[in-house]
Amino acid sequence: MRDNPGRVHTLRASAVALIAALLGGCALPTAPGGGDTGLRVEIRRPVPLPAGSAHANFQFGRVVRGTNLFEPFCQLEANLVAPERRDLLPGAYRVSRVGNRLLRDAITRIPAVYPTFDCSDGVFQESRWRLAPASAEATTDVRELRCIAPYYNCTFGPPLSVDQVQLVVGDYLGIAVADATAD
């Protein structure tokens, strides 16, 4: 029986992707039952939402119309799709839940642990931070901050760190870890 190097390569890449997916969930705190992770997100400037959309895209420290899938990006998502352009206004939010997973496609959110995975495909580490109002001026229309770390050529890594997320969203949002000693 002859060896099939393409199949071995695909199986090896799938095993590496599975290990990365399992380890990737350990990067940020997760509060059980939707509690408080200690992460805070503050909308510092109005964030524009296009007409017919429930999210704003961030890349390279600014709001962008479309994202480059070869570079890290984030999306701030609202609960409602409005027919007209609108702004998410400043307010403070606590991150009540963090979820991480490895994706084969950052747009359709297909998981990366898939039988036909190959090193020529991109792999995307997704972080989803569920947001809850932490101040009186914070709207309940803000749902989550979703960030993507792209990996190509069989390289894998963790989700974006808090500092990396801050670089992606720029001065529109402030990302902080709450002081554990504060009351």
C-alpha atoms as a PDB file:
ATOM      1  CA  MET A   1       0.000   0.000   0.000  1.00  0.00           C
ATOM      2  CA  ARG A   2       1.410   3.420  -0.973  1.00  0.00           C
ATOM      3  CA  ASP A   3       1.600   6.367   1.389  1.00  0.00           C
ATOM      4  CA  ASN A   4      -0.582   9.337   0.570  1.00  0.00           C
ATOM      5  CA  PRO A   5       1.455  12.393   1.685  1.00  0.00           C
ATOM      6  CA  GLY A   6      -1.447  14.793   1.037  1.00  0.00           C
ATOM      7  CA  ARG A   7      -3.744  12.808   3.347  1.00  0.00           C
ATOM      8  CA  VAL A   8      -1.072  12.578   6.062  1.00  0.00           C
ATOM      9  CA  HIS A   9      -0.488  16.325   5.790  1.00  0.00           C
ATOM     10  CA  THR A  10      -4.246  17.014   6.065  1.00  0.00           C
ATOM     11  CA  LEU A  11      -4.628  14.724   9.095  1.00  0.00           C
ATOM     12  CA  ARG A  12      -1.612  16.297  10.799  1.00  0.00           C
ATOM     13  CA  ALA A  13      -2.991  19.806  10.204  1.00  0.00           C
ATOM     14  CA  SER A  14      -6.411  18.743  11.549  1.00  0.00           C
ATOM     15  CA  ALA A  15      -4.805  17.375  14.725  1.00  0.00           C
ATOM     16  CA  VAL A  16      -2.864  20.606  15.247  1.00  0.00           C
ATOM     17  CA  ALA A  17      -6.069  22.632  14.696  1.00  0.00           C
ATOM     18  CA  LEU A  18      -7.933  20.537  17.275  1.00  0.00           C
ATOM     19  CA  ILE A  19      -5.191  21.014  19.864  1.00  0.00           C
ATOM     20  CA  ALA A  20      -5.101  24.775  19.179  1.00  0.00           C
ATOM     21  CA  ALA A  21      -8.888  24.975  19.545  1.00  0.00           C
ATOM     22  CA  LEU A  22      -8.806  23.172  22.867  1.00  0.00           C
ATOM     23  CA  LEU A  23      -5.973  25.309  24.237  1.00  0.00           C
ATOM     24  CA  GLY A  24      -7.326  28.569  22.788  1.00  0.00           C
ATOM     25  CA  GLY A  25     -10.188  28.716  25.278  1.00  0.00           C
ATOM     26  CA  CYS A  26      -7.787  29.336  28.162  1.00  0.00           C
ATOM     27  CA  ALA A  27      -6.624  32.789  27.059  1.00  0.00           C
ATOM     28  CA  LEU A  28      -9.189  34.960  28.858  1.00  0.00           C
ATOM     29  CA  PRO A  29     -11.275  34.616  32.018  1.00  0.00           C
ATOM     30  CA  THR A  30     -14.786  33.212  31.788  1.00  0.00           C
ATOM     31  CA  ALA A  31     -17.294  33.831  34.537  1.00  0.00           C
ATOM     32  CA  PRO A  32     -19.641  30.941  35.243  1.00  0.00           C
ATOM     33  CA  GLY A  33     -23.326  31.641  34.686  1.00  0.00           C
ATOM     34  CA  GLY A  34     -22.774  34.960  32.867  1.00  0.00           C
ATOM     35  CA  GLY A  35     -21.187  36.710  35.871  1.00  0.00           C
ATOM     36  CA  ASP A  36     -18.296  39.164  35.754  1.00  0.00           C
ATOM     37  CA  THR A  37     -15.034  38.279  33.989  1.00  0.00           C
ATOM     38  CA  GLY A  38     -13.244  41.418  35.184  1.00  0.00           C
ATOM     39  CA  LEU A  39     -13.011  42.770  31.632  1.00  0.00           C
ATOM     40  CA  ARG A  40     -14.513  46.173  30.839  1.00  0.00           C
ATOM     41  CA  VAL A  41     -15.377  47.776  27.499  1.00  0.00           C
ATOM     42  CA  GLU A  42     -16.122  51.475  27.282  1.00  0.00           C
ATOM     43  CA  ILE A  43     -17.543  53.095  24.170  1.00  0.00           C
ATOM     44  CA  ARG A  44     -15.599  56.385  24.213  1.00  0.00           C
ATOM     45  CA  ARG A  45     -16.818  57.900  20.937  1.00  0.00           C
ATOM     46  CA  PRO A  46     -20.041  57.342  19.020  1.00  0.00           C
ATOM     47  CA  VAL A  47     -19.660  54.208  16.896  1.00  0.00           C
ATOM     48  CA  PRO A  48     -21.487  54.429  13.550  1.00  0.00           C
ATOM     49  CA  LEU A  49     -23.656  51.514  12.451  1.00  0.00           C
ATOM     50  CA  PRO A  50     -24.502  51.462   8.734  1.00  0.00           C
ATOM     51  CA  ALA A  51     -28.133  51.327   7.626  1.00  0.00           C
ATOM     52  CA  GLY A  52     -29.456  47.763   7.665  1.00  0.00           C
ATOM     53  CA  SER A  53     -26.632  46.484   9.868  1.00  0.00           C
ATOM     54  CA  ALA A  54     -26.268  45.493  13.504  1.00  0.00           C
ATOM     55  CA  HIS A  55     -22.472  45.723  13.703  1.00  0.00           C
ATOM     56  CA  ALA A  56     -19.541  48.056  13.229  1.00  0.00           C
ATOM     57  CA  ASN A  57     -16.208  46.717  11.958  1.00  0.00           C
ATOM     58  CA  PHE A  58     -12.892  47.787  13.491  1.00  0.00           C
ATOM     59  CA  GLN A  59      -9.470  47.295  11.968  1.00  0.00           C
ATOM     60  CA  PHE A  60      -6.163  49.147  12.373  1.00  0.00           C
ATOM     61  CA  GLY A  61      -7.655  51.363  15.129  1.00  0.00           C
ATOM     62  CA  ARG A  62     -10.585  52.737  13.134  1.00  0.00           C
ATOM     63  CA  VAL A  63     -14.108  51.908  11.997  1.00  0.00           C
ATOM     64  CA  VAL A  64     -14.050  50.369   8.503  1.00  0.00           C
ATOM     65  CA  ARG A  65     -16.739  49.321   6.009  1.00  0.00           C
ATOM     66  CA  GLY A  66     -15.211  45.936   5.186  1.00  0.00           C
ATOM     67  CA  THR A  67     -12.444  43.934   6.784  1.00  0.00           C
ATOM     68  CA  ASN A  68      -9.224  42.445   5.455  1.00  0.00           C
ATOM     69  CA  LEU A  69      -9.306  38.782   6.508  1.00  0.00           C
ATOM     70  CA  PHE A  70      -5.494  38.650   6.561  1.00  0.00           C
ATOM     71  CA  GLU A  71      -5.358  41.108   9.506  1.00  0.00           C
ATOM     72  CA  PRO A  72      -6.985  41.047  12.975  1.00  0.00           C
ATOM     73  CA  PHE A  73     -10.396  42.702  13.177  1.00  0.00           C
ATOM     74  CA  CYS A  74     -13.260  43.187  15.630  1.00  0.00           C
ATOM     75  CA  GLN A  75     -17.000  43.753  15.342  1.00  0.00           C
ATOM     76  CA  LEU A  76     -19.140  45.571  17.901  1.00  0.00           C
ATOM     77  CA  GLU A  77     -22.611  44.070  17.596  1.00  0.00           C
ATOM     78  CA  ALA A  78     -25.960  45.584  18.554  1.00  0.00           C
ATOM     79  CA  ASN A  79     -29.161  43.675  19.262  1.00  0.00           C
ATOM     80  CA  LEU A  80     -31.242  45.426  16.610  1.00  0.00           C
ATOM     81  CA  VAL A  81     -30.846  46.036  12.894  1.00  0.00           C
ATOM     82  CA  ALA A  82     -32.131  49.522  12.073  1.00  0.00           C
ATOM     83  CA  PRO A  83     -33.153  50.566   8.546  1.00  0.00           C
ATOM     84  CA  GLU A  84     -31.301  53.876   8.931  1.00  0.00           C
ATOM     85  CA  ARG A  85     -27.708  54.761   9.909  1.00  0.00           C
ATOM     86  CA  ARG A  86     -27.288  55.245  13.645  1.00  0.00           C
ATOM     87  CA  ASP A  87     -24.633  55.566  16.338  1.00  0.00           C
ATOM     88  CA  LEU A  88     -23.924  53.478  19.410  1.00  0.00           C
ATOM     89  CA  LEU A  89     -23.390  56.169  22.047  1.00  0.00           C
ATOM     90  CA  PRO A  90     -20.714  56.259  24.777  1.00  0.00           C
ATOM     91  CA  GLY A  91     -21.230  54.049  27.800  1.00  0.00           C
ATOM     92  CA  ALA A  92     -19.482  51.482  29.981  1.00  0.00           C
ATOM     93  CA  TYR A  93     -19.983  47.712  29.752  1.00  0.00           C
ATOM     94  CA  ARG A  94     -18.764  44.720  31.694  1.00  0.00           C
ATOM     95  CA  VAL A  95     -17.876  41.508  29.887  1.00  0.00           C
ATOM     96  CA  SER A  96     -20.183  38.887  31.380  1.00  0.00           C
ATOM     97  CA  ARG A  97     -19.011  35.951  29.281  1.00  0.00           C
ATOM     98  CA  VAL A  98     -16.048  35.102  27.045  1.00  0.00           C
ATOM     99  CA  GLY A  99     -16.118  32.441  24.370  1.00  0.00           C
ATOM    100  CA  ASN A 100     -13.275  31.358  22.092  1.00  0.00           C
ATOM    101  CA  ARG A 101     -13.254  28.970  19.168  1.00  0.00           C
ATOM    102  CA  LEU A 102     -11.232  28.139  16.085  1.00  0.00           C
ATOM    103  CA  LEU A 103     -13.016  28.847  12.791  1.00  0.00           C
ATOM    104  CA  ARG A 104     -12.424  27.685   9.253  1.00  0.00           C
ATOM    105  CA  ASP A 105     -14.284  30.747   7.913  1.00  0.00           C
ATOM    106  CA  ALA A 106     -14.498  34.036   9.819  1.00  0.00           C
ATOM    107  CA  ILE A 107     -17.634  35.158   7.987  1.00  0.00           C
ATOM    108  CA  THR A 108     -19.831  32.030   8.041  1.00  0.00           C
ATOM    109  CA  ARG A 109     -18.343  30.884  11.402  1.00  0.00           C
ATOM    110  CA  ILE A 110     -17.757  27.300  10.233  1.00  0.00           C
ATOM    111  CA  PRO A 111     -15.636  25.494  12.876  1.00  0.00           C
ATOM    112  CA  ALA A 112     -12.056  24.624  11.874  1.00  0.00           C
ATOM    113  CA  VAL A 113     -12.230  21.014  13.036  1.00  0.00           C
ATOM    114  CA  TYR A 114     -13.404  19.804   9.667  1.00  0.00           C
ATOM    115  CA  PRO A 115     -12.277  16.720   7.703  1.00  0.00           C
ATOM    116  CA  THR A 116     -10.957  18.583   4.636  1.00  0.00           C
ATOM    117  CA  PHE A 117      -8.780  21.068   6.547  1.00  0.00           C
ATOM    118  CA  ASP A 118      -5.534  21.887   4.710  1.00  0.00           C
ATOM    119  CA  CYS A 119      -2.547  24.152   5.472  1.00  0.00           C
ATOM    120  CA  SER A 120      -3.365  26.310   2.459  1.00  0.00           C
ATOM    121  CA  ASP A 121      -6.589  27.349   4.231  1.00  0.00           C
ATOM    122  CA  GLY A 122      -6.782  30.170   6.732  1.00  0.00           C
ATOM    123  CA  VAL A 123      -7.753  29.471  10.331  1.00  0.00           C
ATOM    124  CA  PHE A 124      -9.369  32.122  12.526  1.00  0.00           C
ATOM    125  CA  GLN A 125      -9.333  32.339  16.329  1.00  0.00           C
ATOM    126  CA  GLU A 126     -12.619  33.952  17.338  1.00  0.00           C
ATOM    127  CA  SER A 127     -13.202  35.650  20.694  1.00  0.00           C
ATOM    128  CA  ARG A 128     -16.710  36.681  21.647  1.00  0.00           C
ATOM    129  CA  TRP A 129     -17.158  38.971  24.647  1.00  0.00           C
ATOM    130  CA  ARG A 130     -20.790  39.216  25.792  1.00  0.00           C
ATOM    131  CA  LEU A 131     -21.456  42.767  27.032  1.00  0.00           C
ATOM    132  CA  ALA A 132     -23.774  43.941  29.819  1.00  0.00           C
ATOM    133  CA  PRO A 133     -24.373  47.587  30.811  1.00  0.00           C
ATOM    134  CA  ALA A 134     -22.088  48.729  33.634  1.00  0.00           C
ATOM    135  CA  SER A 135     -23.227  52.368  33.768  1.00  0.00           C
ATOM    136  CA  ALA A 136     -26.496  54.297  33.664  1.00  0.00           C
ATOM    137  CA  GLU A 137     -25.655  55.837  30.267  1.00  0.00           C
ATOM    138  CA  ALA A 138     -24.871  52.464  28.644  1.00  0.00           C
ATOM    139  CA  THR A 139     -27.535  51.263  26.233  1.00  0.00           C
ATOM    140  CA  THR A 140     -28.927  47.750  26.438  1.00  0.00           C
ATOM    141  CA  ASP A 141     -28.734  47.592  22.624  1.00  0.00           C
ATOM    142  CA  VAL A 142     -25.036  46.583  22.660  1.00  0.00           C
ATOM    143  CA  ARG A 143     -24.675  42.787  22.540  1.00  0.00           C
ATOM    144  CA  GLU A 144     -21.053  41.710  22.122  1.00  0.00           C
ATOM    145  CA  LEU A 145     -17.564  42.453  20.895  1.00  0.00           C
ATOM    146  CA  ARG A 146     -16.339  39.775  18.494  1.00  0.00           C
ATOM    147  CA  CYS A 147     -12.652  39.720  17.513  1.00  0.00           C
ATOM    148  CA  ILE A 148     -10.805  37.571  14.993  1.00  0.00           C
ATOM    149  CA  ALA A 149      -7.121  36.607  14.931  1.00  0.00           C
ATOM    150  CA  PRO A 150      -6.265  35.156  11.484  1.00  0.00           C
ATOM    151  CA  TYR A 151      -3.637  32.449  11.021  1.00  0.00           C
ATOM    152  CA  TYR A 152      -2.318  31.149   7.702  1.00  0.00           C
ATOM    153  CA  ASN A 153       0.183  28.576   6.405  1.00  0.00           C
ATOM    154  CA  CYS A 154      -0.399  26.085   9.228  1.00  0.00           C
ATOM    155  CA  THR A 155       0.463  28.554  11.946  1.00  0.00           C
ATOM    156  CA  PHE A 156      -1.875  28.603  14.941  1.00  0.00           C
ATOM    157  CA  GLY A 157      -2.047  30.769  18.003  1.00  0.00           C
ATOM    158  CA  PRO A 158      -4.222  32.177  20.738  1.00  0.00           C
ATOM    159  CA  PRO A 159      -7.133  34.600  20.463  1.00  0.00           C
ATOM    160  CA  LEU A 160      -6.298  38.311  20.501  1.00  0.00           C
ATOM    161  CA  SER A 161      -5.062  39.555  23.869  1.00  0.00           C
ATOM    162  CA  VAL A 162      -6.643  42.550  25.628  1.00  0.00           C
ATOM    163  CA  ASP A 163      -3.796  44.775  24.362  1.00  0.00           C
ATOM    164  CA  GLN A 164      -4.209  43.495  20.795  1.00  0.00           C
ATOM    165  CA  VAL A 165      -7.967  44.122  20.900  1.00  0.00           C
ATOM    166  CA  GLN A 166      -7.271  47.691  22.038  1.00  0.00           C
ATOM    167  CA  LEU A 167      -4.992  48.225  19.022  1.00  0.00           C
ATOM    168  CA  VAL A 168      -7.677  46.914  16.661  1.00  0.00           C
ATOM    169  CA  VAL A 169     -10.523  49.087  18.034  1.00  0.00           C
ATOM    170  CA  GLY A 170      -8.418  52.234  18.528  1.00  0.00           C
ATOM    171  CA  ASP A 171      -9.775  55.134  20.574  1.00  0.00           C
ATOM    172  CA  TYR A 172     -13.429  54.330  19.837  1.00  0.00           C
ATOM    173  CA  LEU A 173     -13.407  51.761  22.638  1.00  0.00           C
ATOM    174  CA  GLY A 174     -11.479  51.426  25.857  1.00  0.00           C
ATOM    175  CA  ILE A 175     -10.604  47.877  26.941  1.00  0.00           C
ATOM    176  CA  ALA A 176      -9.544  47.290  30.535  1.00  0.00           C
ATOM    177  CA  VAL A 177      -9.136  44.539  33.095  1.00  0.00           C
ATOM    178  CA  ALA A 178     -10.763  45.455  36.419  1.00  0.00           C
ATOM    179  CA  ASP A 179      -8.534  45.644  39.471  1.00  0.00           C
ATOM    180  CA  ALA A 180      -9.142  42.479  41.506  1.00  0.00           C
ATOM    181  CA  THR A 181      -8.446  44.332  44.777  1.00  0.00           C
ATOM    182  CA  ALA A 182     -11.069  47.043  44.150  1.00  0.00           C
ATOM    183  CA  ASP A 183     -14.499  46.710  45.754  1.00  0.00           C
END
